[in-house]
Amino acid sequence: MRRWWAGLSRRGKVGTIAIVAVVLVVLGAAGGGGKTSSPPAPAASPPVAAVFTPSAAPAVPTGATSPGPSLNPHALTVANVTQSIHDNEGLVPSVYANFDQLQVSIPQPAEVDISVKPSLLPGENFILDYAGADALVDAKAIFGWYPTVRLVRTDVMADYQDNYGHTSTLVAAEVDITSATAQKFDYAGMAQMDPTQVICDSDHYFIHPGDWNSIKASDRGCLTAPSN
């Protein structure tokens, strides 16, 4: 009997606590005067700038994402020199100039070497025409525009066959012009003269002996020797 009463008392206490808890919850929801615990603080929101306004990328210095020399037309590069030569081809009559297989090399900042290999050589005398006319165009295209250059070398290449049938590509004519010599040029006036005059006025020239011997004296113009 005592155990039954004790169990009943425990059940009665539990029921009373449950009823009180329900009453408190209802009063709190109804806005009663009872004191309720504060709701937990909401989680901190991420910074607005990181979500809606991302930081701008750092400024990139001018020219950092592309090769600087290509943006400067006076930069001494193969591409720039090649373009300069093509831009000045109209200086001389097309019958004299020849820029087939044009190649540009820059062995040092003070020197530019240009070579061409004509697809067709109607005769040895055309070697003189091409060498003189091309050298004049090259000088105008390079000197002054690329301040470091002091020497422009123009080579006309051709194929030669030896006595045993072997073919080699060699220099048929070479014309070297320095910046000091080029300062004397009136390009427009010289463009109307015989191309051999450019060769005669150059600082150094060379004509392949085999070609020189095949060129008539009347076609040599002011030239009196295959080299100087």
Protein backbone atom coordinates (compact mmCIF):
# COMPACT_ATOMS: atom_id res chain seq x y z
CA MET A 1 0.00 0.00 0.00
CA ARG A 2 2.88 2.36 0.86
CA ARG A 3 4.68 1.53 -2.43
CA TRP A 4 1.51 2.28 -4.39
CA TRP A 5 1.10 5.68 -2.67
CA ALA A 6 4.73 6.55 -3.23
CA GLY A 7 4.40 5.73 -6.94
CA LEU A 8 1.24 7.77 -7.14
CA SER A 9 2.94 10.71 -5.48
CA ARG A 10 5.80 10.62 -8.03
CA ARG A 11 3.33 10.48 -10.91
CA GLY A 12 1.39 13.38 -9.34
CA LYS A 13 4.54 15.52 -9.12
CA VAL A 14 5.49 14.84 -12.70
CA GLY A 15 2.02 15.75 -13.90
CA THR A 16 2.01 18.99 -11.92
CA ILE A 17 5.39 20.05 -13.40
CA ALA A 18 4.15 19.33 -16.93
CA ILE A 19 0.98 21.41 -16.38
CA VAL A 20 2.98 24.37 -15.04
CA ALA A 21 5.35 24.23 -18.03
CA VAL A 22 2.45 24.27 -20.49
CA VAL A 23 0.86 27.27 -18.75
CA LEU A 24 4.12 29.24 -18.92
CA VAL A 25 4.53 28.54 -22.62
CA VAL A 26 0.96 29.62 -23.38
CA LEU A 27 1.33 32.84 -21.37
CA GLY A 28 4.56 33.67 -23.13
CA ALA A 29 3.03 33.15 -26.56
CA ALA A 30 0.06 35.33 -25.64
CA GLY A 31 2.31 38.22 -24.64
CA GLY A 32 1.67 37.78 -20.90
CA GLY A 33 3.76 39.44 -18.25
CA GLY A 34 5.74 36.30 -17.54
CA LYS A 35 9.50 36.52 -18.09
CA THR A 36 10.74 34.31 -20.92
CA SER A 37 14.27 33.49 -22.00
CA SER A 38 15.78 35.56 -24.87
CA PRO A 39 15.98 33.82 -28.25
CA PRO A 40 19.50 32.86 -29.36
CA ALA A 41 21.38 35.54 -31.31
CA PRO A 42 21.27 35.00 -35.09
CA ALA A 43 24.45 33.85 -36.80
CA ALA A 44 26.62 36.66 -38.08
CA SER A 45 25.98 37.49 -41.74
CA PRO A 46 28.96 37.45 -44.09
CA PRO A 47 30.39 40.87 -45.02
CA VAL A 48 28.31 42.51 -47.70
CA ALA A 49 31.37 43.45 -49.74
CA ALA A 50 32.44 39.84 -50.05
CA VAL A 51 29.02 38.78 -51.34
CA PHE A 52 27.63 41.62 -53.44
CA THR A 53 30.57 43.90 -54.15
CA PRO A 54 33.71 41.86 -54.62
CA SER A 55 36.93 43.79 -54.41
CA ALA A 56 38.26 45.08 -57.72
CA ALA A 57 41.28 43.32 -59.18
CA PRO A 58 44.56 45.17 -58.67
CA ALA A 59 45.50 47.49 -61.49
CA VAL A 60 47.82 45.92 -64.08
CA PRO A 61 50.73 48.09 -65.23
CA THR A 62 50.52 49.15 -68.86
CA GLY A 63 52.13 46.59 -71.14
CA ALA A 64 52.41 43.91 -68.46
CA THR A 65 49.99 41.54 -70.17
CA SER A 66 51.37 41.98 -73.69
CA PRO A 67 54.88 42.29 -75.04
CA GLY A 68 55.99 45.88 -74.66
CA PRO A 69 58.11 46.13 -77.83
CA SER A 70 55.14 45.24 -80.04
CA LEU A 71 53.35 48.34 -78.72
CA ASN A 72 56.31 50.56 -79.64
CA PRO A 73 56.83 51.02 -83.40
CA HIS A 74 60.40 52.19 -82.76
CA ALA A 75 61.36 49.00 -80.91
CA LEU A 76 64.03 47.12 -82.82
CA THR A 77 62.32 43.80 -83.48
CA VAL A 78 62.21 41.52 -86.50
CA ALA A 79 58.47 42.07 -86.87
CA ASN A 80 58.77 45.85 -86.71
CA VAL A 81 61.68 46.03 -89.17
CA THR A 82 59.95 43.69 -91.60
CA GLN A 83 56.85 45.89 -91.52
CA SER A 84 58.94 49.03 -92.00
CA ILE A 85 60.55 47.58 -95.13
CA HIS A 86 57.19 46.64 -96.63
CA ASP A 87 55.85 50.10 -95.81
CA ASN A 88 58.69 51.68 -97.84
CA GLU A 89 58.71 49.35 -100.85
CA GLY A 90 57.00 51.98 -102.97
CA LEU A 91 60.07 54.23 -102.79
CA VAL A 92 61.57 52.64 -105.93
CA PRO A 93 59.97 51.35 -109.13
CA SER A 94 58.83 47.76 -108.68
CA VAL A 95 60.82 46.69 -111.74
CA TYR A 96 64.01 47.24 -109.74
CA ALA A 97 63.15 46.14 -106.21
CA ASN A 98 62.60 42.55 -105.16
CA PHE A 99 61.60 41.38 -101.70
CA ASP A 100 60.91 37.69 -102.36
CA GLN A 101 61.62 35.49 -99.33
CA LEU A 102 62.46 38.51 -97.22
CA GLN A 103 64.30 37.67 -94.01
CA VAL A 104 65.40 40.04 -91.25
CA SER A 105 67.94 39.36 -88.52
CA ILE A 106 69.29 41.60 -85.78
CA PRO A 107 72.69 40.30 -84.66
CA GLN A 108 73.17 43.31 -82.39
CA PRO A 109 71.31 46.55 -81.60
CA ALA A 110 73.57 48.52 -83.95
CA GLU A 111 73.12 46.23 -86.97
CA VAL A 112 70.26 44.92 -89.07
CA ASP A 113 70.78 42.28 -91.77
CA ILE A 114 68.24 41.83 -94.57
CA SER A 115 68.27 39.11 -97.18
CA VAL A 116 66.06 38.37 -100.17
CA LYS A 117 66.03 35.50 -102.61
CA PRO A 118 64.34 36.38 -105.91
CA SER A 119 62.10 33.62 -107.21
CA LEU A 120 63.24 34.49 -110.73
CA LEU A 121 66.47 36.05 -112.02
CA PRO A 122 66.05 36.93 -115.70
CA GLY A 123 69.75 37.80 -115.92
CA GLU A 124 72.82 38.57 -113.81
CA ASN A 125 72.35 42.31 -114.31
CA PHE A 126 69.13 42.09 -112.27
CA ILE A 127 71.27 41.22 -109.25
CA LEU A 128 72.69 44.74 -109.37
CA ASP A 129 69.22 46.28 -109.73
CA TYR A 130 67.80 44.30 -106.82
CA ALA A 131 70.80 44.93 -104.59
CA GLY A 132 70.84 48.69 -105.18
CA ALA A 133 67.09 49.27 -105.00
CA ASP A 134 66.56 47.04 -101.97
CA ALA A 135 69.47 48.63 -100.12
CA LEU A 136 67.96 52.09 -100.65
CA VAL A 137 64.57 50.95 -99.35
CA ASP A 138 66.16 49.20 -96.36
CA ALA A 139 68.18 52.28 -95.43
CA LYS A 140 65.14 54.56 -95.57
CA ALA A 141 63.01 52.09 -93.61
CA ILE A 142 65.51 51.62 -90.80
CA PHE A 143 67.82 54.58 -90.26
CA GLY A 144 66.32 57.24 -88.04
CA TRP A 145 63.29 55.10 -87.22
CA TYR A 146 65.35 52.71 -85.06
CA PRO A 147 67.81 55.00 -83.25
CA THR A 148 70.37 52.36 -82.23
CA VAL A 149 71.06 51.09 -85.77
CA ARG A 150 74.36 52.13 -87.32
CA LEU A 151 74.69 49.54 -90.10
CA VAL A 152 72.21 48.04 -92.55
CA ARG A 153 73.35 45.09 -94.61
CA THR A 154 71.35 43.98 -97.65
CA ASP A 155 72.03 40.59 -99.27
CA VAL A 156 70.59 39.24 -102.49
CA MET A 157 70.78 35.44 -102.42
CA ALA A 158 70.87 33.05 -105.39
CA ASP A 159 71.43 29.38 -106.11
CA TYR A 160 74.75 28.29 -107.61
CA GLN A 161 75.72 24.93 -109.04
CA ASP A 162 79.29 23.65 -108.93
CA ASN A 163 81.08 21.45 -111.44
CA TYR A 164 79.82 18.35 -109.68
CA GLY A 165 76.15 19.29 -109.82
CA HIS A 166 75.81 20.37 -106.20
CA THR A 167 73.55 23.39 -105.61
CA SER A 168 74.20 25.92 -102.85
CA THR A 169 72.50 29.16 -101.88
CA LEU A 170 75.10 31.92 -101.68
CA VAL A 171 75.31 35.71 -101.54
CA ALA A 172 75.03 37.09 -105.07
CA ALA A 173 75.37 40.70 -103.92
CA GLU A 174 75.92 42.45 -100.60
CA VAL A 175 75.52 46.15 -99.87
CA ASP A 176 76.49 47.70 -96.53
CA ILE A 177 75.32 51.20 -95.63
CA THR A 178 76.12 53.03 -92.41
CA SER A 179 73.95 55.65 -90.76
CA ALA A 180 76.60 58.30 -91.47
CA THR A 181 76.44 57.57 -95.20
CA ALA A 182 72.65 57.40 -95.23
CA GLN A 183 72.47 60.94 -93.84
CA LYS A 184 73.77 62.14 -97.21
CA PHE A 185 70.95 60.47 -99.13
CA ASP A 186 68.10 62.30 -100.77
CA TYR A 187 65.93 59.20 -100.98
CA ALA A 188 63.40 60.59 -103.41
CA GLY A 189 66.15 61.76 -105.73
CA MET A 190 68.20 58.57 -105.50
CA ALA A 191 65.11 56.48 -106.20
CA GLN A 192 65.07 58.01 -109.70
CA MET A 193 68.70 57.12 -110.40
CA ASP A 194 70.24 53.89 -111.64
CA PRO A 195 70.21 51.42 -108.71
CA THR A 196 73.92 50.82 -109.16
CA GLN A 197 74.50 54.35 -107.83
CA VAL A 198 73.34 53.20 -104.40
CA ILE A 199 75.90 50.40 -104.53
CA CYS A 200 78.65 52.84 -105.54
CA ASP A 201 77.70 55.20 -102.68
CA SER A 202 77.62 52.42 -100.08
CA ASP A 203 80.31 51.84 -97.46
CA HIS A 204 81.00 48.34 -98.75
CA TYR A 205 79.67 46.07 -101.48
CA PHE A 206 80.37 42.66 -102.92
CA ILE A 207 79.22 41.05 -106.17
CA HIS A 208 79.69 37.33 -106.70
CA PRO A 209 82.62 36.97 -109.15
CA GLY A 210 80.71 34.56 -111.36
CA ASP A 211 77.88 37.04 -111.77
CA TRP A 212 80.21 39.98 -112.17
CA ASN A 213 81.97 38.34 -115.08
CA SER A 214 78.63 37.67 -116.75
CA ILE A 215 77.37 41.25 -116.44
CA LYS A 216 78.07 43.46 -119.43
CA ALA A 217 80.16 46.55 -118.82
CA SER A 218 77.25 48.67 -120.03
CA ASP A 219 75.04 47.23 -117.27
CA ARG A 220 77.54 47.83 -114.45
CA GLY A 221 76.80 51.54 -114.29
CA CYS A 222 79.22 53.30 -111.98
CA LEU A 223 80.69 50.02 -110.69
CA THR A 224 84.24 49.30 -111.79
CA ALA A 225 85.03 46.26 -109.63
CA PRO A 226 83.13 43.34 -108.03
CA SER A 227 83.83 44.70 -104.53
CA ASN A 228 85.31 47.59 -102.64
